[in-house]
Amino acid sequence: MAALQALYLKAVRHVVDNTEDVGERFVEEVRSIHHGDAPERAIRGQATPEERAELAEEGIDILTMPLPEAMKGPLQ
């Protein structure tokens, strides 16, 4: 179990280090990227289950990856 947790945390750190946090603008921003109205880049943010379902219906694939509570605040 400890090895699995370590692997998950490594993956989370990679995502955090290699994506732009757009926060609550995630759904708007991912649609803009999908439609070519914003530059393509790796982003992360928040979306409700309903918003995620709408994106899926529009053919926009996203990955849901909950962040551990300790990583939700400022990173040092």
N, C-alpha and C. Protein backbone atom coordinates (compact mmCIF):
# COMPACT_ATOMS: atom_id res chain seq x y z
N MET A 1 0.83 -1.20 0.00
CA MET A 1 0.00 0.00 0.00
C MET A 1 0.87 1.26 0.00
N ALA A 2 1.96 1.26 0.74
CA ALA A 2 2.83 2.43 0.81
C ALA A 2 3.45 2.71 -0.56
N ALA A 3 3.80 1.68 -1.29
CA ALA A 3 4.38 1.86 -2.63
C ALA A 3 3.36 2.48 -3.57
N LEU A 4 2.11 2.06 -3.46
CA LEU A 4 1.04 2.61 -4.30
C LEU A 4 0.82 4.09 -3.98
N GLN A 5 0.82 4.42 -2.69
CA GLN A 5 0.66 5.82 -2.29
C GLN A 5 1.82 6.67 -2.81
N ALA A 6 3.02 6.15 -2.72
CA ALA A 6 4.19 6.89 -3.20
C ALA A 6 4.10 7.12 -4.70
N LEU A 7 3.65 6.13 -5.44
CA LEU A 7 3.50 6.26 -6.89
C LEU A 7 2.43 7.30 -7.22
N TYR A 8 1.31 7.28 -6.49
CA TYR A 8 0.24 8.27 -6.70
C TYR A 8 0.76 9.68 -6.42
N LEU A 9 1.47 9.86 -5.31
CA LEU A 9 2.00 11.18 -4.99
C LEU A 9 3.01 11.66 -6.02
N LYS A 10 3.78 10.75 -6.57
CA LYS A 10 4.72 11.11 -7.63
C LYS A 10 3.96 11.59 -8.86
N ALA A 11 2.89 10.90 -9.20
CA ALA A 11 2.07 11.31 -10.35
C ALA A 11 1.42 12.67 -10.10
N VAL A 12 0.91 12.89 -8.91
CA VAL A 12 0.29 14.17 -8.57
C VAL A 12 1.32 15.30 -8.66
N ARG A 13 2.51 15.08 -8.13
CA ARG A 13 3.55 16.10 -8.20
C ARG A 13 3.90 16.42 -9.65
N HIS A 14 3.96 15.39 -10.49
CA HIS A 14 4.25 15.61 -11.90
C HIS A 14 3.17 16.49 -12.55
N VAL A 15 1.91 16.20 -12.26
CA VAL A 15 0.81 16.98 -12.81
C VAL A 15 0.89 18.42 -12.32
N VAL A 16 1.09 18.62 -11.04
CA VAL A 16 1.17 19.97 -10.48
C VAL A 16 2.34 20.75 -11.07
N ASP A 17 3.47 20.08 -11.24
CA ASP A 17 4.66 20.75 -11.77
C ASP A 17 4.56 21.07 -13.26
N ASN A 18 3.70 20.37 -13.98
CA ASN A 18 3.67 20.49 -15.44
C ASN A 18 2.34 20.99 -16.00
N THR A 19 1.53 21.62 -15.16
CA THR A 19 0.26 22.17 -15.62
C THR A 19 0.06 23.57 -15.05
N GLU A 20 -0.79 24.32 -15.71
CA GLU A 20 -1.16 25.66 -15.24
C GLU A 20 -2.46 25.53 -14.46
N ASP A 21 -2.49 26.07 -13.25
CA ASP A 21 -3.70 26.02 -12.43
C ASP A 21 -4.62 27.18 -12.84
N VAL A 22 -5.75 26.85 -13.46
CA VAL A 22 -6.70 27.88 -13.87
C VAL A 22 -7.90 27.94 -12.92
N GLY A 23 -7.86 27.12 -11.88
CA GLY A 23 -8.87 27.16 -10.82
C GLY A 23 -10.29 26.98 -11.31
N GLU A 24 -11.15 27.88 -10.88
CA GLU A 24 -12.57 27.78 -11.21
C GLU A 24 -12.87 28.12 -12.67
N ARG A 25 -11.88 28.63 -13.39
CA ARG A 25 -12.05 28.93 -14.82
C ARG A 25 -11.81 27.69 -15.70
N PHE A 26 -11.60 26.53 -15.08
CA PHE A 26 -11.20 25.32 -15.81
C PHE A 26 -12.13 25.00 -16.97
N VAL A 27 -13.43 24.94 -16.72
CA VAL A 27 -14.38 24.54 -17.76
C VAL A 27 -14.35 25.53 -18.92
N GLU A 28 -14.37 26.81 -18.62
CA GLU A 28 -14.31 27.84 -19.66
C GLU A 28 -13.00 27.74 -20.45
N GLU A 29 -11.91 27.55 -19.73
CA GLU A 29 -10.59 27.51 -20.37
C GLU A 29 -10.42 26.25 -21.23
N VAL A 30 -10.88 25.11 -20.74
CA VAL A 30 -10.72 23.87 -21.51
C VAL A 30 -11.57 23.92 -22.78
N ARG A 31 -12.73 24.55 -22.69
CA ARG A 31 -13.55 24.71 -23.91
C ARG A 31 -12.84 25.63 -24.91
N SER A 32 -12.25 26.72 -24.42
CA SER A 32 -11.53 27.64 -25.30
C SER A 32 -10.37 26.94 -25.99
N ILE A 33 -9.65 26.12 -25.25
CA ILE A 33 -8.53 25.37 -25.84
C ILE A 33 -9.08 24.39 -26.88
N HIS A 34 -10.13 23.68 -26.53
CA HIS A 34 -10.72 22.69 -27.43
C HIS A 34 -11.18 23.31 -28.75
N HIS A 35 -11.72 24.52 -28.68
CA HIS A 35 -12.25 25.18 -29.88
C HIS A 35 -11.19 26.02 -30.61
N GLY A 36 -9.96 26.03 -30.09
CA GLY A 36 -8.88 26.77 -30.74
C GLY A 36 -8.85 28.24 -30.43
N ASP A 37 -9.63 28.68 -29.44
CA ASP A 37 -9.67 30.10 -29.08
C ASP A 37 -8.62 30.49 -28.05
N ALA A 38 -7.93 29.51 -27.49
CA ALA A 38 -6.86 29.74 -26.52
C ALA A 38 -5.71 28.80 -26.88
N PRO A 39 -4.50 29.18 -26.53
CA PRO A 39 -3.36 28.32 -26.87
C PRO A 39 -3.46 26.96 -26.17
N GLU A 40 -3.07 25.92 -26.89
CA GLU A 40 -3.08 24.58 -26.32
C GLU A 40 -1.99 24.47 -25.26
N ARG A 41 -2.36 24.00 -24.10
CA ARG A 41 -1.43 23.82 -22.99
C ARG A 41 -2.07 22.91 -21.96
N ALA A 42 -1.26 22.38 -21.06
CA ALA A 42 -1.76 21.52 -19.99
C ALA A 42 -2.28 22.40 -18.86
N ILE A 43 -3.53 22.17 -18.48
CA ILE A 43 -4.14 22.95 -17.41
C ILE A 43 -4.76 22.02 -16.38
N ARG A 44 -5.03 22.60 -15.21
CA ARG A 44 -5.77 21.89 -14.18
C ARG A 44 -6.66 22.90 -13.48
N GLY A 45 -7.72 22.40 -12.84
CA GLY A 45 -8.64 23.28 -12.13
C GLY A 45 -9.80 22.48 -11.59
N GLN A 46 -10.87 23.16 -11.28
CA GLN A 46 -12.04 22.52 -10.68
C GLN A 46 -13.21 22.49 -11.64
N ALA A 47 -13.95 21.40 -11.57
CA ALA A 47 -15.20 21.25 -12.34
C ALA A 47 -16.14 20.38 -11.52
N THR A 48 -17.41 20.70 -11.57
CA THR A 48 -18.40 19.89 -10.87
C THR A 48 -18.66 18.61 -11.67
N PRO A 49 -19.27 17.61 -11.03
CA PRO A 49 -19.62 16.41 -11.79
C PRO A 49 -20.50 16.72 -13.00
N GLU A 50 -21.41 17.67 -12.86
CA GLU A 50 -22.28 18.05 -13.97
C GLU A 50 -21.47 18.67 -15.11
N GLU A 51 -20.52 19.53 -14.76
CA GLU A 51 -19.68 20.16 -15.78
C GLU A 51 -18.81 19.12 -16.48
N ARG A 52 -18.29 18.16 -15.73
CA ARG A 52 -17.49 17.09 -16.34
C ARG A 52 -18.33 16.28 -17.31
N ALA A 53 -19.58 16.01 -16.95
CA ALA A 53 -20.47 15.28 -17.85
C ALA A 53 -20.75 16.08 -19.12
N GLU A 54 -20.96 17.39 -18.99
CA GLU A 54 -21.19 18.25 -20.16
C GLU A 54 -19.97 18.24 -21.08
N LEU A 55 -18.78 18.32 -20.50
CA LEU A 55 -17.57 18.29 -21.32
C LEU A 55 -17.46 16.97 -22.07
N ALA A 56 -17.76 15.87 -21.39
CA ALA A 56 -17.72 14.56 -22.04
C ALA A 56 -18.71 14.49 -23.19
N GLU A 57 -19.91 15.05 -23.01
CA GLU A 57 -20.93 15.07 -24.08
C GLU A 57 -20.44 15.88 -25.28
N GLU A 58 -19.61 16.90 -25.02
CA GLU A 58 -19.07 17.74 -26.08
C GLU A 58 -17.84 17.11 -26.74
N GLY A 59 -17.44 15.94 -26.25
CA GLY A 59 -16.27 15.27 -26.82
C GLY A 59 -14.95 15.78 -26.27
N ILE A 60 -15.00 16.43 -25.12
CA ILE A 60 -13.79 16.96 -24.49
C ILE A 60 -13.40 16.00 -23.38
N ASP A 61 -12.28 15.31 -23.57
CA ASP A 61 -11.80 14.36 -22.58
C ASP A 61 -10.96 15.05 -21.53
N ILE A 62 -11.28 14.78 -20.27
CA ILE A 62 -10.49 15.30 -19.17
C ILE A 62 -10.20 14.15 -18.21
N LEU A 63 -9.22 14.35 -17.37
CA LEU A 63 -8.86 13.37 -16.36
C LEU A 63 -9.16 13.96 -15.00
N THR A 64 -9.87 13.22 -14.18
CA THR A 64 -10.15 13.65 -12.81
C THR A 64 -9.08 13.06 -11.91
N MET A 65 -8.38 13.93 -11.20
CA MET A 65 -7.32 13.49 -10.29
C MET A 65 -7.40 14.31 -9.02
N PRO A 66 -8.03 13.77 -7.98
CA PRO A 66 -8.13 14.54 -6.74
C PRO A 66 -6.74 14.78 -6.14
N LEU A 67 -6.52 16.01 -5.68
CA LEU A 67 -5.26 16.34 -5.04
C LEU A 67 -5.37 16.07 -3.54
N PRO A 68 -4.32 15.55 -2.93
CA PRO A 68 -4.33 15.39 -1.48
C PRO A 68 -4.49 16.76 -0.82
N GLU A 69 -5.17 16.82 0.31
CA GLU A 69 -5.44 18.09 1.01
C GLU A 69 -4.16 18.89 1.21
N ALA A 70 -3.07 18.24 1.55
CA ALA A 70 -1.83 18.95 1.83
C ALA A 70 -1.29 19.69 0.61
N MET A 71 -1.72 19.31 -0.60
CA MET A 71 -1.22 19.95 -1.82
C MET A 71 -2.15 21.03 -2.34
N LYS A 72 -3.25 21.29 -1.66
CA LYS A 72 -4.21 22.26 -2.16
C LYS A 72 -3.86 23.69 -1.78
N GLY A 73 -3.01 23.87 -0.80
CA GLY A 73 -2.60 25.20 -0.42
C GLY A 73 -1.37 25.64 -1.19
N PRO A 74 -0.76 26.71 -0.75
CA PRO A 74 0.47 27.17 -1.42
C PRO A 74 1.56 26.11 -1.35
N LEU A 75 2.24 25.94 -2.46
CA LEU A 75 3.33 24.97 -2.50
C LEU A 75 4.65 25.71 -2.30
N GLN A 76 5.53 25.16 -1.52
CA GLN A 76 6.84 25.78 -1.23
C GLN A 76 7.90 25.12 -2.05
